[in-house]
Structures are given as structure tokens and as C-alpha cells.
Amino acid sequence: MSKIPVRPYLVSKDSDGRFRVTVRTTRFNSQNYPLVTSILIEEIFATATAAKNYIRSEYAAVAADIATT
């Protein structure tokens, strides 16, 4: 597993062309190994911009915290 930090928010496109948001939290075990937990938000967005705006307003995230696929 990579030691590169995971961005806490992921915007991805599903098979129907809609955008979903995943909230990821990272914690470290006693050997400093990263453990990432992902939670898919149920809300669906028509565009990636709408999803990013939701993340910024609900979670007070900055652009550097958001990853896209």
C-alpha cells in the first residue's frame, strides 16, 4: 500500500453517467500503516461541479481535498 495520503473526498462517475461522492477517512495502526474507510453518500449529482459544490458546502472542504476519477 502506498504511503501517499488519500484525499478525503472522491467524486466518481457511476455506470449511468451520474456523479457520486465518497467520504474517506484515514487512520493509522500501531505500525503506522494507513487504514482507509470509505463511505458512499447516497445523494446523486448530475455534474461533477454540483458534487464538488456539495462537498464544499456540507464539509467545508477545499479544492485540494477533492479527488476525481
N, C-alpha and C. Protein backbone atom coordinates (compact mmCIF):
# COMPACT_ATOMS: atom_id res chain seq x y z
N MET A 1 0.84 -1.18 0.00
CA MET A 1 0.00 0.00 0.00
C MET A 1 0.88 1.24 0.00
N SER A 2 0.42 2.23 -0.68
CA SER A 2 1.18 3.47 -0.82
C SER A 2 1.13 4.29 0.47
N LYS A 3 2.19 5.01 0.74
CA LYS A 3 2.24 5.92 1.89
C LYS A 3 1.77 7.32 1.50
N ILE A 4 1.35 7.50 0.25
CA ILE A 4 0.83 8.78 -0.21
C ILE A 4 -0.54 9.00 0.44
N PRO A 5 -0.77 10.16 1.06
CA PRO A 5 -2.05 10.39 1.71
C PRO A 5 -3.22 10.37 0.73
N VAL A 6 -4.33 9.83 1.18
CA VAL A 6 -5.54 9.74 0.37
C VAL A 6 -6.35 11.01 0.58
N ARG A 7 -6.84 11.59 -0.50
CA ARG A 7 -7.70 12.78 -0.36
C ARG A 7 -9.02 12.34 0.28
N PRO A 8 -9.55 13.14 1.19
CA PRO A 8 -10.72 12.71 1.96
C PRO A 8 -12.03 12.64 1.18
N TYR A 9 -12.12 13.25 0.01
CA TYR A 9 -13.37 13.24 -0.75
C TYR A 9 -13.09 12.79 -2.17
N LEU A 10 -13.93 11.88 -2.68
CA LEU A 10 -13.77 11.35 -4.03
C LEU A 10 -15.06 11.56 -4.79
N VAL A 11 -14.97 12.17 -5.97
CA VAL A 11 -16.10 12.34 -6.88
C VAL A 11 -15.87 11.37 -8.03
N SER A 12 -16.82 10.46 -8.24
CA SER A 12 -16.67 9.48 -9.31
C SER A 12 -17.98 9.35 -10.09
N LYS A 13 -17.84 8.95 -11.35
CA LYS A 13 -18.99 8.77 -12.23
C LYS A 13 -19.41 7.30 -12.18
N ASP A 14 -20.72 7.05 -12.01
CA ASP A 14 -21.20 5.67 -11.99
C ASP A 14 -21.53 5.21 -13.41
N SER A 15 -22.01 4.00 -13.54
CA SER A 15 -22.26 3.42 -14.87
C SER A 15 -23.38 4.13 -15.64
N ASP A 16 -24.23 4.87 -14.94
CA ASP A 16 -25.32 5.60 -15.59
C ASP A 16 -24.94 7.03 -15.97
N GLY A 17 -23.69 7.42 -15.69
CA GLY A 17 -23.24 8.75 -16.03
C GLY A 17 -23.52 9.80 -14.97
N ARG A 18 -24.00 9.38 -13.83
CA ARG A 18 -24.26 10.30 -12.72
C ARG A 18 -23.06 10.32 -11.79
N PHE A 19 -22.93 11.36 -11.01
CA PHE A 19 -21.78 11.52 -10.13
C PHE A 19 -22.14 11.21 -8.69
N ARG A 20 -21.22 10.52 -8.00
CA ARG A 20 -21.40 10.14 -6.60
C ARG A 20 -20.22 10.66 -5.80
N VAL A 21 -20.45 10.86 -4.50
CA VAL A 21 -19.41 11.35 -3.60
C VAL A 21 -19.10 10.26 -2.58
N THR A 22 -17.81 10.02 -2.37
CA THR A 22 -17.35 9.08 -1.35
C THR A 22 -16.51 9.86 -0.34
N VAL A 23 -16.84 9.70 0.94
CA VAL A 23 -16.08 10.34 2.01
C VAL A 23 -15.13 9.29 2.57
N ARG A 24 -13.84 9.63 2.60
CA ARG A 24 -12.82 8.67 3.05
C ARG A 24 -12.11 9.22 4.29
N THR A 25 -11.94 8.35 5.28
CA THR A 25 -11.18 8.72 6.47
C THR A 25 -9.97 7.80 6.57
N THR A 26 -8.86 8.38 6.98
CA THR A 26 -7.63 7.61 7.11
C THR A 26 -7.17 7.64 8.57
N ARG A 27 -6.86 6.48 9.08
CA ARG A 27 -6.25 6.38 10.41
C ARG A 27 -5.06 5.44 10.28
N PHE A 28 -4.23 5.42 11.28
CA PHE A 28 -3.00 4.63 11.21
C PHE A 28 -2.95 3.64 12.37
N ASN A 29 -2.50 2.42 12.07
CA ASN A 29 -2.38 1.41 13.12
C ASN A 29 -1.06 1.60 13.87
N SER A 30 -0.75 0.69 14.76
CA SER A 30 0.44 0.84 15.61
C SER A 30 1.75 0.77 14.83
N GLN A 31 1.74 0.19 13.63
CA GLN A 31 2.94 0.16 12.78
C GLN A 31 2.95 1.31 11.77
N ASN A 32 2.08 2.29 11.99
CA ASN A 32 1.96 3.47 11.12
C ASN A 32 1.51 3.10 9.71
N TYR A 33 0.73 2.02 9.58
CA TYR A 33 0.17 1.59 8.30
C TYR A 33 -1.19 2.27 8.12
N PRO A 34 -1.45 2.91 6.99
CA PRO A 34 -2.73 3.62 6.82
C PRO A 34 -3.90 2.66 6.62
N LEU A 35 -4.98 2.93 7.32
CA LEU A 35 -6.24 2.19 7.16
C LEU A 35 -7.28 3.19 6.69
N VAL A 36 -7.82 2.96 5.49
CA VAL A 36 -8.77 3.89 4.88
C VAL A 36 -10.17 3.30 4.92
N THR A 37 -11.12 4.09 5.42
CA THR A 37 -12.52 3.71 5.45
C THR A 37 -13.27 4.61 4.48
N SER A 38 -14.09 4.03 3.59
CA SER A 38 -14.83 4.80 2.59
C SER A 38 -16.33 4.64 2.81
N ILE A 39 -17.04 5.78 2.74
CA ILE A 39 -18.50 5.78 2.88
C ILE A 39 -19.08 6.49 1.66
N LEU A 40 -19.91 5.80 0.90
CA LEU A 40 -20.56 6.37 -0.28
C LEU A 40 -21.79 7.15 0.16
N ILE A 41 -21.85 8.43 -0.22
CA ILE A 41 -23.01 9.27 0.09
C ILE A 41 -24.14 8.91 -0.87
N GLU A 42 -25.36 8.80 -0.36
CA GLU A 42 -26.48 8.35 -1.18
C GLU A 42 -26.94 9.36 -2.22
N GLU A 43 -26.66 10.63 -2.01
CA GLU A 43 -27.11 11.66 -2.94
C GLU A 43 -26.42 11.50 -4.29
N ILE A 44 -27.16 11.74 -5.36
CA ILE A 44 -26.66 11.61 -6.73
C ILE A 44 -26.66 13.00 -7.37
N PHE A 45 -25.62 13.29 -8.16
CA PHE A 45 -25.46 14.60 -8.78
C PHE A 45 -25.38 14.47 -10.29
N ALA A 46 -25.91 15.46 -10.99
CA ALA A 46 -25.91 15.45 -12.45
C ALA A 46 -24.54 15.79 -13.03
N THR A 47 -23.79 16.63 -12.33
CA THR A 47 -22.47 17.04 -12.82
C THR A 47 -21.43 16.92 -11.71
N ALA A 48 -20.17 16.86 -12.11
CA ALA A 48 -19.07 16.81 -11.14
C ALA A 48 -18.99 18.13 -10.37
N THR A 49 -19.30 19.23 -11.03
CA THR A 49 -19.27 20.53 -10.37
C THR A 49 -20.30 20.60 -9.24
N ALA A 50 -21.49 20.05 -9.48
CA ALA A 50 -22.52 20.02 -8.44
C ALA A 50 -22.06 19.18 -7.26
N ALA A 51 -21.41 18.07 -7.53
CA ALA A 51 -20.90 17.22 -6.45
C ALA A 51 -19.82 17.94 -5.65
N LYS A 52 -18.92 18.63 -6.33
CA LYS A 52 -17.86 19.37 -5.64
C LYS A 52 -18.43 20.52 -4.81
N ASN A 53 -19.43 21.21 -5.35
CA ASN A 53 -20.08 22.28 -4.59
C ASN A 53 -20.75 21.74 -3.33
N TYR A 54 -21.35 20.57 -3.43
CA TYR A 54 -21.96 19.92 -2.27
C TYR A 54 -20.90 19.63 -1.20
N ILE A 55 -19.76 19.10 -1.62
CA ILE A 55 -18.68 18.78 -0.68
C ILE A 55 -18.18 20.06 -0.01
N ARG A 56 -18.02 21.12 -0.79
CA ARG A 56 -17.53 22.39 -0.22
C ARG A 56 -18.51 22.97 0.79
N SER A 57 -19.80 22.87 0.50
CA SER A 57 -20.80 23.47 1.41
C SER A 57 -21.08 22.59 2.62
N GLU A 58 -21.17 21.28 2.46
CA GLU A 58 -21.52 20.39 3.57
C GLU A 58 -20.34 20.05 4.47
N TYR A 59 -19.15 19.95 3.90
CA TYR A 59 -17.98 19.51 4.65
C TYR A 59 -16.89 20.57 4.78
N ALA A 60 -17.14 21.76 4.25
CA ALA A 60 -16.16 22.87 4.29
C ALA A 60 -14.80 22.43 3.73
N ALA A 61 -14.84 21.69 2.65
CA ALA A 61 -13.61 21.20 2.03
C ALA A 61 -13.03 22.25 1.09
N VAL A 62 -11.75 22.14 0.85
CA VAL A 62 -11.09 22.98 -0.15
C VAL A 62 -10.78 22.11 -1.36
N ALA A 63 -10.44 22.75 -2.46
CA ALA A 63 -10.22 22.02 -3.72
C ALA A 63 -9.15 20.93 -3.59
N ALA A 64 -8.14 21.16 -2.78
CA ALA A 64 -7.06 20.20 -2.63
C ALA A 64 -7.50 18.92 -1.92
N ASP A 65 -8.66 18.95 -1.24
CA ASP A 65 -9.18 17.78 -0.53
C ASP A 65 -10.03 16.87 -1.42
N ILE A 66 -10.33 17.31 -2.64
CA ILE A 66 -11.26 16.57 -3.51
C ILE A 66 -10.51 15.89 -4.64
N ALA A 67 -10.71 14.57 -4.76
CA ALA A 67 -10.14 13.80 -5.86
C ALA A 67 -11.27 13.42 -6.82
N THR A 68 -10.93 13.23 -8.10
CA THR A 68 -11.92 12.81 -9.09
C THR A 68 -11.38 11.59 -9.85
N THR A 69 -12.32 10.79 -10.36
CA THR A 69 -11.92 9.66 -11.19
C THR A 69 -12.62 9.74 -12.52
